[in-house]
Amino acid sequence: MKFKELMELADKIASKSQIRVKVACILIDKRTGKVVATGYNKLGSRNLNGRFSTHAEIVALRKVKKPSSNLIMLLYRKHQRLITPCHACMEWIRAYGIKEIYHTSRVE
């Protein structure tokens, strides 16, 4: 998938976010270049801050059948500065064997 197409997909996915922070997570198989799973911020169970949300990273990782070191993660934040995974999400990312994470955003 070309970079421009990937950014368009990320923007479309982030637009679906159900909370104020519009984030998309795209998992890509680095051998084939194909998108394996996507996720966006959703309303969910109460987190440590007392807010109800499920992060885009977790939504995408739950769609993957098993951990793989062949995955690349792209995190995209719409309308604001870059975002990095929280501590809990980083634990999941490590558990899934993901070593490459790219962060991007779009500011309007």
Protein backbone atom coordinates (compact mmCIF):
# COMPACT_ATOMS: atom_id res chain seq x y z
CA MET A 1 0.00 0.00 0.00
CA LYS A 2 1.35 3.42 -0.91
CA PHE A 3 1.97 6.04 1.78
CA LYS A 4 -0.75 8.38 0.52
CA GLU A 5 -3.31 5.54 0.50
CA LEU A 6 -2.24 4.52 3.99
CA MET A 7 -2.70 8.08 5.29
CA GLU A 8 -6.15 8.30 3.68
CA LEU A 9 -7.11 5.00 5.31
CA ALA A 10 -5.77 6.18 8.69
CA ASP A 11 -7.75 9.42 8.43
CA LYS A 12 -10.93 7.51 7.59
CA ILE A 13 -10.45 5.10 10.49
CA ALA A 14 -9.61 7.86 12.99
CA SER A 15 -12.81 9.67 12.00
CA LYS A 16 -14.76 6.73 13.46
CA SER A 17 -13.29 7.31 16.94
CA GLN A 18 -16.02 7.50 19.54
CA ILE A 19 -14.13 9.77 21.91
CA ARG A 20 -12.59 13.25 21.65
CA VAL A 21 -9.08 12.02 20.75
CA LYS A 22 -9.31 10.73 17.16
CA VAL A 23 -6.73 7.95 16.79
CA ALA A 24 -6.29 5.15 14.26
CA CYS A 25 -4.04 2.12 14.58
CA ILE A 26 -3.12 0.13 11.49
CA LEU A 27 -1.23 -3.16 11.64
CA ILE A 28 0.69 -4.05 8.48
CA ASP A 29 2.41 -7.32 7.55
CA LYS A 30 5.93 -6.19 6.66
CA ARG A 31 6.48 -9.17 4.35
CA THR A 32 3.46 -8.49 2.14
CA GLY A 33 2.76 -4.82 2.85
CA LYS A 34 -0.92 -5.65 3.41
CA VAL A 35 -3.10 -4.25 6.18
CA VAL A 36 -3.80 -7.03 8.70
CA ALA A 37 -6.00 -5.15 11.20
CA THR A 38 -7.22 -1.68 12.08
CA GLY A 39 -8.61 -0.03 15.19
CA TYR A 40 -9.83 3.29 16.51
CA ASN A 41 -10.59 4.69 19.97
CA LYS A 42 -13.89 3.33 21.27
CA LEU A 43 -16.07 3.74 24.26
CA GLY A 44 -15.37 0.80 26.52
CA SER A 45 -14.65 -0.16 30.09
CA ARG A 46 -13.36 2.22 32.76
CA ASN A 47 -9.60 2.85 32.52
CA LEU A 48 -7.20 3.91 35.29
CA ASN A 49 -8.17 7.58 34.91
CA GLY A 50 -11.85 6.73 35.44
CA ARG A 51 -12.69 7.33 31.79
CA PHE A 52 -14.49 4.86 29.58
CA SER A 53 -12.38 4.11 26.51
CA THR A 54 -10.57 1.35 24.66
CA HIS A 55 -7.45 2.49 22.83
CA ALA A 56 -7.05 2.03 19.09
CA GLU A 57 -3.97 -0.15 19.60
CA ILE A 58 -5.91 -2.67 21.71
CA VAL A 59 -8.83 -2.74 19.26
CA ALA A 60 -6.44 -3.55 16.38
CA LEU A 61 -4.37 -6.10 18.33
CA ARG A 62 -7.49 -8.00 19.40
CA LYS A 63 -8.24 -8.62 15.72
CA VAL A 64 -4.89 -10.37 15.17
CA LYS A 65 -5.07 -14.12 15.67
CA LYS A 66 -1.61 -14.57 17.17
CA PRO A 67 1.54 -12.57 17.99
CA SER A 68 3.97 -11.98 15.13
CA SER A 69 7.28 -10.17 14.78
CA ASN A 70 6.30 -9.51 11.14
CA LEU A 71 3.85 -6.76 12.09
CA ILE A 72 4.42 -3.02 11.80
CA MET A 73 2.19 -0.59 13.70
CA LEU A 74 1.14 2.81 12.41
CA LEU A 75 -0.45 5.18 14.92
CA TYR A 76 -2.26 8.17 13.47
CA ARG A 77 -3.76 11.08 15.39
CA LYS A 78 -6.18 13.35 13.61
CA HIS A 79 -6.11 17.14 14.16
CA GLN A 80 -3.44 17.19 16.86
CA ARG A 81 0.18 16.45 17.64
CA LEU A 82 1.73 12.98 17.60
CA ILE A 83 0.59 10.34 20.02
CA THR A 84 2.54 7.51 21.62
CA PRO A 85 1.14 4.35 23.20
CA CYS A 86 0.37 4.43 26.90
CA HIS A 87 2.14 2.01 29.23
CA ALA A 88 -0.64 -0.62 29.09
CA CYS A 89 -0.75 -0.51 25.28
CA MET A 90 3.06 -0.83 25.09
CA GLU A 91 2.82 -4.02 27.16
CA TRP A 92 0.34 -5.46 24.64
CA ILE A 93 2.50 -4.33 21.71
CA ARG A 94 5.58 -6.02 23.21
CA ALA A 95 3.57 -9.18 23.94
CA TYR A 96 2.56 -9.32 20.28
CA GLY A 97 6.21 -9.06 19.19
CA ILE A 98 5.83 -5.73 17.40
CA LYS A 99 9.14 -3.88 17.20
CA GLU A 100 8.36 -1.17 14.63
CA ILE A 101 5.90 1.59 15.51
CA TYR A 102 5.43 4.67 13.35
CA HIS A 103 3.67 7.77 14.62
CA THR A 104 2.06 10.37 12.43
CA SER A 105 -0.61 13.04 12.68
CA ARG A 106 -2.47 15.58 10.62
CA VAL A 107 -2.82 19.15 11.79
CA GLU A 108 -5.39 21.36 10.13
